[in-house]
Amino acid sequence: MMLTFRKLEIDIEKKNNSLQKTIVNISHDLKTPLTSALGYVELLQKYELSGEEQHKYESIIIDKLKQLSQLIEDFFTFTKIISNEGKFELKLLDINRIFEEELVCYYQDFNSQGRMIYIKGNKKIEMLSNERILRRIFDNLIINALKHSRGDIYISINTGAEICFQFKNRLDEPIIVEQIFDEFYTSDISRTKQNTGLGLAIVKEFTEMEV
């Protein structure tokens, strides 16, 4: 009984520390795109700019606000997971179909970069899961491969005691493999691009959570 309570205390402490770290980091990351967007808004208000310049700065503002929106969404999702908030409906899902549907959404993005996607393993796989969570997992993995790699991507779908999706691709910059699933882990180059560093952490938490 004492061991059970001790384990519970450790789990709670870990979650609290993770949440505090998340809040500190997200506060800093929220400020950057917001400050930048406000700066461009002031430029539009203070100076008479040509139509082309106005369009340029408006596009930058929209991009910064999209970054801000993504940061907030990732923060909300991550804090909800680690606080074990809410129950998730489970049903038998066709994993291949859901993965292919998410992949199709990014076909044009990969195609515009001249990149091909090769998938090995087309056997129908069914699993008891939550569809919204599963789509978020696939979405985050695909976005990560799109943003942080180059060249063609090879995806293997293996089944056994566990279902494994393996991505093979060339990275844009060196990474510390042991830390890629940590909250807010990004390379120096990725941080300058305003990546939240929560994408793969969310994937990890979703795949390990008890629903």
C-alpha atoms as a PDB file:
ATOM      1  CA  MET A   1       0.000   0.000   0.000  1.00  0.00           C
ATOM      2  CA  MET A   2       2.825   2.403   0.916  1.00  0.00           C
ATOM      3  CA  LEU A   3       4.522   1.712  -2.422  1.00  0.00           C
ATOM      4  CA  THR A   4       1.294   2.487  -4.261  1.00  0.00           C
ATOM      5  CA  PHE A   5       0.899   5.846  -2.505  1.00  0.00           C
ATOM      6  CA  ARG A   6       4.557   6.688  -3.089  1.00  0.00           C
ATOM      7  CA  LYS A   7       4.206   5.914  -6.799  1.00  0.00           C
ATOM      8  CA  LEU A   8       1.101   8.095  -6.926  1.00  0.00           C
ATOM      9  CA  GLU A   9       2.974  10.960  -5.250  1.00  0.00           C
ATOM     10  CA  ILE A  10       5.852  10.630  -7.737  1.00  0.00           C
ATOM     11  CA  ASP A  11       3.448  10.604 -10.692  1.00  0.00           C
ATOM     12  CA  ILE A  12       1.654  13.708  -9.414  1.00  0.00           C
ATOM     13  CA  GLU A  13       4.947  15.498  -8.788  1.00  0.00           C
ATOM     14  CA  LYS A  14       6.183  14.643 -12.303  1.00  0.00           C
ATOM     15  CA  LYS A  15       2.966  15.943 -13.856  1.00  0.00           C
ATOM     16  CA  ASN A  16       3.112  19.155 -11.824  1.00  0.00           C
ATOM     17  CA  ASN A  17       6.733  19.740 -12.820  1.00  0.00           C
ATOM     18  CA  SER A  18       5.882  19.052 -16.457  1.00  0.00           C
ATOM     19  CA  LEU A  19       2.954  21.470 -16.329  1.00  0.00           C
ATOM     20  CA  GLN A  20       5.067  24.211 -14.696  1.00  0.00           C
ATOM     21  CA  LYS A  21       7.779  23.751 -17.325  1.00  0.00           C
ATOM     22  CA  THR A  22       5.139  23.909 -20.059  1.00  0.00           C
ATOM     23  CA  ILE A  23       3.674  27.159 -18.714  1.00  0.00           C
ATOM     24  CA  VAL A  24       7.093  28.844 -18.446  1.00  0.00           C
ATOM     25  CA  ASN A  25       8.115  27.835 -21.962  1.00  0.00           C
ATOM     26  CA  ILE A  26       4.806  28.614 -23.612  1.00  0.00           C
ATOM     27  CA  SER A  27       4.732  32.069 -22.010  1.00  0.00           C
ATOM     28  CA  HIS A  28       8.028  32.917 -23.706  1.00  0.00           C
ATOM     29  CA  ASP A  29       7.010  31.374 -27.038  1.00  0.00           C
ATOM     30  CA  LEU A  30       3.625  33.146 -27.076  1.00  0.00           C
ATOM     31  CA  LYS A  31       5.276  36.518 -26.621  1.00  0.00           C
ATOM     32  CA  THR A  32       7.536  36.262 -29.686  1.00  0.00           C
ATOM     33  CA  PRO A  33       4.980  36.032 -32.539  1.00  0.00           C
ATOM     34  CA  LEU A  34       2.611  38.385 -30.724  1.00  0.00           C
ATOM     35  CA  THR A  35       5.283  41.082 -30.326  1.00  0.00           C
ATOM     36  CA  SER A  36       6.304  40.658 -33.955  1.00  0.00           C
ATOM     37  CA  ALA A  37       2.716  40.917 -35.226  1.00  0.00           C
ATOM     38  CA  LEU A  38       2.096  44.058 -33.135  1.00  0.00           C
ATOM     39  CA  GLY A  39       5.251  45.619 -34.590  1.00  0.00           C
ATOM     40  CA  TYR A  40       3.977  45.177 -38.140  1.00  0.00           C
ATOM     41  CA  VAL A  41       0.531  46.498 -37.165  1.00  0.00           C
ATOM     42  CA  GLU A  42       2.214  49.687 -35.872  1.00  0.00           C
ATOM     43  CA  LEU A  43       4.093  50.029 -39.177  1.00  0.00           C
ATOM     44  CA  LEU A  44       0.800  49.856 -41.085  1.00  0.00           C
ATOM     45  CA  GLN A  45      -0.743  52.478 -38.785  1.00  0.00           C
ATOM     46  CA  LYS A  46       2.156  54.962 -38.749  1.00  0.00           C
ATOM     47  CA  TYR A  47       3.336  55.014 -42.363  1.00  0.00           C
ATOM     48  CA  GLU A  48       1.762  55.453 -45.746  1.00  0.00           C
ATOM     49  CA  LEU A  49       2.800  52.341 -47.602  1.00  0.00           C
ATOM     50  CA  SER A  50       2.282  51.197 -51.156  1.00  0.00           C
ATOM     51  CA  GLY A  51      -0.308  48.539 -51.857  1.00  0.00           C
ATOM     52  CA  GLU A  52       2.440  45.970 -52.379  1.00  0.00           C
ATOM     53  CA  GLU A  53       4.097  46.816 -49.042  1.00  0.00           C
ATOM     54  CA  GLN A  54       0.765  46.698 -47.210  1.00  0.00           C
ATOM     55  CA  HIS A  55       0.021  43.280 -48.662  1.00  0.00           C
ATOM     56  CA  LYS A  56       3.504  42.056 -47.667  1.00  0.00           C
ATOM     57  CA  TYR A  57       3.139  43.185 -44.042  1.00  0.00           C
ATOM     58  CA  GLU A  58      -0.445  41.932 -43.780  1.00  0.00           C
ATOM     59  CA  SER A  59       0.750  38.492 -44.932  1.00  0.00           C
ATOM     60  CA  ILE A  60       3.476  38.528 -42.269  1.00  0.00           C
ATOM     61  CA  ILE A  61       0.945  39.465 -39.591  1.00  0.00           C
ATOM     62  CA  ILE A  62      -1.340  36.614 -40.655  1.00  0.00           C
ATOM     63  CA  ASP A  63       1.589  34.158 -40.493  1.00  0.00           C
ATOM     64  CA  LYS A  64       2.528  35.350 -36.992  1.00  0.00           C
ATOM     65  CA  LEU A  65      -1.063  35.019 -35.791  1.00  0.00           C
ATOM     66  CA  LYS A  66      -1.220  31.492 -37.229  1.00  0.00           C
ATOM     67  CA  GLN A  67       1.934  30.648 -35.266  1.00  0.00           C
ATOM     68  CA  LEU A  68       0.302  32.053 -32.152  1.00  0.00           C
ATOM     69  CA  SER A  69      -2.849  30.022 -32.776  1.00  0.00           C
ATOM     70  CA  GLN A  70      -0.809  26.829 -33.175  1.00  0.00           C
ATOM     71  CA  LEU A  71       1.105  27.518 -29.959  1.00  0.00           C
ATOM     72  CA  ILE A  72      -2.134  27.991 -28.026  1.00  0.00           C
ATOM     73  CA  GLU A  73      -3.687  24.844 -29.521  1.00  0.00           C
ATOM     74  CA  ASP A  74      -0.614  22.728 -28.704  1.00  0.00           C
ATOM     75  CA  PHE A  75      -0.457  24.149 -25.181  1.00  0.00           C
ATOM     76  CA  PHE A  76      -4.140  23.407 -24.579  1.00  0.00           C
ATOM     77  CA  THR A  77      -3.830  19.862 -25.915  1.00  0.00           C
ATOM     78  CA  PHE A  78      -0.694  19.077 -23.928  1.00  0.00           C
ATOM     79  CA  THR A  79      -1.995  20.410 -20.609  1.00  0.00           C
ATOM     80  CA  LYS A  80      -5.260  18.518 -21.092  1.00  0.00           C
ATOM     81  CA  ILE A  81      -3.374  15.252 -21.612  1.00  0.00           C
ATOM     82  CA  ILE A  82      -0.982  15.536 -18.676  1.00  0.00           C
ATOM     83  CA  SER A  83      -3.806  16.564 -16.323  1.00  0.00           C
ATOM     84  CA  ASN A  84      -5.829  13.486 -17.376  1.00  0.00           C
ATOM     85  CA  GLU A  85      -8.772  15.721 -18.123  1.00  0.00           C
ATOM     86  CA  GLY A  86     -11.752  14.150 -19.846  1.00  0.00           C
ATOM     87  CA  LYS A  87     -12.634  10.686 -21.105  1.00  0.00           C
ATOM     88  CA  PHE A  88     -12.211   9.569 -24.689  1.00  0.00           C
ATOM     89  CA  GLU A  89     -14.707   7.469 -26.612  1.00  0.00           C
ATOM     90  CA  LEU A  90     -13.224   4.273 -28.029  1.00  0.00           C
ATOM     91  CA  LYS A  91     -14.344   2.417 -31.128  1.00  0.00           C
ATOM     92  CA  LEU A  92     -12.945  -0.055 -33.653  1.00  0.00           C
ATOM     93  CA  LEU A  93     -11.081   1.969 -36.284  1.00  0.00           C
ATOM     94  CA  ASP A  94      -9.516   1.249 -39.676  1.00  0.00           C
ATOM     95  CA  ILE A  95      -5.994   2.538 -38.985  1.00  0.00           C
ATOM     96  CA  ASN A  96      -4.817   2.474 -42.609  1.00  0.00           C
ATOM     97  CA  ARG A  97      -7.789   4.485 -43.848  1.00  0.00           C
ATOM     98  CA  ILE A  98      -7.372   7.188 -41.193  1.00  0.00           C
ATOM     99  CA  PHE A  99      -3.628   7.436 -41.800  1.00  0.00           C
ATOM    100  CA  GLU A 100      -4.095   7.725 -45.580  1.00  0.00           C
ATOM    101  CA  GLU A 101      -6.770  10.407 -45.127  1.00  0.00           C
ATOM    102  CA  GLU A 102      -4.425  12.479 -42.973  1.00  0.00           C
ATOM    103  CA  LEU A 103      -1.542  11.939 -45.388  1.00  0.00           C
ATOM    104  CA  VAL A 104      -3.610  13.106 -48.385  1.00  0.00           C
ATOM    105  CA  CYS A 105      -4.152  16.469 -46.651  1.00  0.00           C
ATOM    106  CA  TYR A 106      -0.412  17.162 -47.020  1.00  0.00           C
ATOM    107  CA  TYR A 107       0.113  15.671 -50.487  1.00  0.00           C
ATOM    108  CA  GLN A 108       0.337  19.090 -52.146  1.00  0.00           C
ATOM    109  CA  ASP A 109       2.873  20.296 -49.561  1.00  0.00           C
ATOM    110  CA  PHE A 110       5.197  17.358 -50.227  1.00  0.00           C
ATOM    111  CA  ASN A 111       4.570  17.542 -53.979  1.00  0.00           C
ATOM    112  CA  SER A 112       5.465  21.256 -54.107  1.00  0.00           C
ATOM    113  CA  GLN A 113       8.851  20.354 -52.584  1.00  0.00           C
ATOM    114  CA  GLY A 114       9.384  17.615 -55.181  1.00  0.00           C
ATOM    115  CA  ARG A 115       9.203  14.919 -52.508  1.00  0.00           C
ATOM    116  CA  MET A 116       7.689  11.447 -52.809  1.00  0.00           C
ATOM    117  CA  ILE A 117       6.094   9.308 -50.096  1.00  0.00           C
ATOM    118  CA  TYR A 118       6.456   5.531 -50.210  1.00  0.00           C
ATOM    119  CA  ILE A 119       4.318   3.331 -47.940  1.00  0.00           C
ATOM    120  CA  LYS A 120       5.094  -0.310 -47.193  1.00  0.00           C
ATOM    121  CA  GLY A 121       2.312  -2.382 -45.676  1.00  0.00           C
ATOM    122  CA  ASN A 122      -1.237  -2.058 -46.988  1.00  0.00           C
ATOM    123  CA  LYS A 123      -2.840  -4.803 -44.925  1.00  0.00           C
ATOM    124  CA  LYS A 124      -6.027  -3.614 -43.252  1.00  0.00           C
ATOM    125  CA  ILE A 125      -5.395  -2.921 -39.573  1.00  0.00           C
ATOM    126  CA  GLU A 126      -8.173  -2.375 -37.050  1.00  0.00           C
ATOM    127  CA  MET A 127      -7.666  -1.134 -33.511  1.00  0.00           C
ATOM    128  CA  LEU A 128      -9.811   0.000 -30.606  1.00  0.00           C
ATOM    129  CA  SER A 129      -8.969   3.695 -30.232  1.00  0.00           C
ATOM    130  CA  ASN A 130     -10.280   7.244 -30.220  1.00  0.00           C
ATOM    131  CA  GLU A 131     -10.486   8.676 -33.754  1.00  0.00           C
ATOM    132  CA  ARG A 132      -9.762  12.299 -32.821  1.00  0.00           C
ATOM    133  CA  ILE A 133      -6.649  11.309 -30.861  1.00  0.00           C
ATOM    134  CA  LEU A 134      -5.465   8.969 -33.601  1.00  0.00           C
ATOM    135  CA  ARG A 135      -5.834  11.659 -36.258  1.00  0.00           C
ATOM    136  CA  ARG A 136      -3.883  14.095 -34.085  1.00  0.00           C
ATOM    137  CA  ILE A 137      -1.062  11.558 -33.668  1.00  0.00           C
ATOM    138  CA  PHE A 138      -0.800  10.964 -37.422  1.00  0.00           C
ATOM    139  CA  ASP A 139      -1.126  14.667 -38.172  1.00  0.00           C
ATOM    140  CA  ASN A 140       1.722  15.600 -35.816  1.00  0.00           C
ATOM    141  CA  LEU A 141       4.001  12.870 -37.193  1.00  0.00           C
ATOM    142  CA  ILE A 142       3.364  13.919 -40.801  1.00  0.00           C
ATOM    143  CA  ILE A 143       3.849  17.630 -40.050  1.00  0.00           C
ATOM    144  CA  ASN A 144       7.097  16.852 -38.236  1.00  0.00           C
ATOM    145  CA  ALA A 145       8.387  14.899 -41.244  1.00  0.00           C
ATOM    146  CA  LEU A 146       7.293  17.684 -43.597  1.00  0.00           C
ATOM    147  CA  LYS A 147       8.889  20.519 -41.630  1.00  0.00           C
ATOM    148  CA  HIS A 148      12.088  18.956 -40.356  1.00  0.00           C
ATOM    149  CA  SER A 149      13.305  16.642 -43.094  1.00  0.00           C
ATOM    150  CA  ARG A 150      14.205  16.654 -46.758  1.00  0.00           C
ATOM    151  CA  GLY A 151      14.043  14.206 -49.635  1.00  0.00           C
ATOM    152  CA  ASP A 152      11.620  11.328 -50.066  1.00  0.00           C
ATOM    153  CA  ILE A 153       9.906   9.706 -47.088  1.00  0.00           C
ATOM    154  CA  TYR A 154       9.543   5.966 -46.553  1.00  0.00           C
ATOM    155  CA  ILE A 155       6.816   4.792 -44.183  1.00  0.00           C
ATOM    156  CA  SER A 156       6.582   1.199 -42.929  1.00  0.00           C
ATOM    157  CA  ILE A 157       3.482  -0.058 -41.122  1.00  0.00           C
ATOM    158  CA  ASN A 158       4.248  -3.117 -39.004  1.00  0.00           C
ATOM    159  CA  THR A 159       1.881  -5.111 -36.828  1.00  0.00           C
ATOM    160  CA  GLY A 160       2.422  -7.550 -34.016  1.00  0.00           C
ATOM    161  CA  ALA A 161       1.914  -7.092 -30.296  1.00  0.00           C
ATOM    162  CA  GLU A 162       2.018  -3.366 -31.161  1.00  0.00           C
ATOM    163  CA  ILE A 163       1.271  -1.327 -34.268  1.00  0.00           C
ATOM    164  CA  CYS A 164       4.392   0.506 -35.447  1.00  0.00           C
ATOM    165  CA  PHE A 165       4.598   3.372 -37.944  1.00  0.00           C
ATOM    166  CA  GLN A 166       8.210   3.907 -38.986  1.00  0.00           C
ATOM    167  CA  PHE A 167       9.276   7.054 -40.848  1.00  0.00           C
ATOM    168  CA  LYS A 168      12.614   7.098 -42.683  1.00  0.00           C
ATOM    169  CA  ASN A 169      13.830  10.449 -43.974  1.00  0.00           C
ATOM    170  CA  ARG A 170      16.863  12.744 -44.050  1.00  0.00           C
ATOM    171  CA  LEU A 171      16.913  15.436 -41.384  1.00  0.00           C
ATOM    172  CA  ASP A 172      17.470  19.121 -42.029  1.00  0.00           C
ATOM    173  CA  GLU A 173      19.746  19.503 -39.003  1.00  0.00           C
ATOM    174  CA  PRO A 174      21.340  17.361 -36.272  1.00  0.00           C
ATOM    175  CA  ILE A 175      19.120  16.300 -33.373  1.00  0.00           C
ATOM    176  CA  ILE A 176      19.522  14.572 -30.022  1.00  0.00           C
ATOM    177  CA  VAL A 177      17.491  11.414 -30.629  1.00  0.00           C
ATOM    178  CA  GLU A 178      16.938  10.695 -26.930  1.00  0.00           C
ATOM    179  CA  GLN A 179      15.231  14.082 -26.483  1.00  0.00           C
ATOM    180  CA  ILE A 180      12.952  14.374 -29.519  1.00  0.00           C
ATOM    181  CA  PHE A 181       9.861  13.376 -27.510  1.00  0.00           C
ATOM    182  CA  ASP A 182      10.609  15.812 -24.675  1.00  0.00           C
ATOM    183  CA  GLU A 183       8.378  18.860 -24.266  1.00  0.00           C
ATOM    184  CA  PHE A 184       9.761  21.920 -26.064  1.00  0.00           C
ATOM    185  CA  TYR A 185      12.716  20.056 -27.553  1.00  0.00           C
ATOM    186  CA  THR A 186      13.771  21.775 -30.777  1.00  0.00           C
ATOM    187  CA  SER A 187      17.071  22.279 -32.519  1.00  0.00           C
ATOM    188  CA  ASP A 188      18.417  25.822 -32.635  1.00  0.00           C
ATOM    189  CA  ILE A 189      17.311  26.179 -36.263  1.00  0.00           C
ATOM    190  CA  SER A 190      13.809  24.911 -35.524  1.00  0.00           C
ATOM    191  CA  ARG A 191      13.341  27.352 -32.673  1.00  0.00           C
ATOM    192  CA  THR A 192      14.108  30.290 -34.956  1.00  0.00           C
ATOM    193  CA  LYS A 193      11.257  29.026 -37.164  1.00  0.00           C
ATOM    194  CA  GLN A 194       8.864  29.281 -34.191  1.00  0.00           C
ATOM    195  CA  ASN A 195       8.170  25.580 -33.791  1.00  0.00           C
ATOM    196  CA  THR A 196       6.475  24.822 -30.502  1.00  0.00           C
ATOM    197  CA  GLY A 197       8.503  21.721 -29.670  1.00  0.00           C
ATOM    198  CA  LEU A 198       5.273  20.104 -28.445  1.00  0.00           C
ATOM    199  CA  GLY A 199       4.281  18.118 -31.540  1.00  0.00           C
ATOM    200  CA  LEU A 200       6.137  14.889 -30.776  1.00  0.00           C
ATOM    201  CA  ALA A 201       5.632  15.310 -27.026  1.00  0.00           C
ATOM    202  CA  ILE A 202       1.883  15.289 -27.698  1.00  0.00           C
ATOM    203  CA  VAL A 203       2.292  12.150 -29.829  1.00  0.00           C
ATOM    204  CA  LYS A 204       4.185  10.444 -26.984  1.00  0.00           C
ATOM    205  CA  GLU A 205       1.620  11.408 -24.343  1.00  0.00           C
ATOM    206  CA  PHE A 206      -1.294  10.292 -26.534  1.00  0.00           C
ATOM    207  CA  THR A 207       0.246   6.890 -27.300  1.00  0.00           C
ATOM    208  CA  GLU A 208       1.089   6.231 -23.644  1.00  0.00           C
ATOM    209  CA  MET A 209      -2.078   7.533 -22.026  1.00  0.00           C
ATOM    210  CA  GLU A 210      -4.688   5.260 -20.498  1.00  0.00           C
ATOM    211  CA  VAL A 211      -8.140   5.924 -21.980  1.00  0.00           C
END
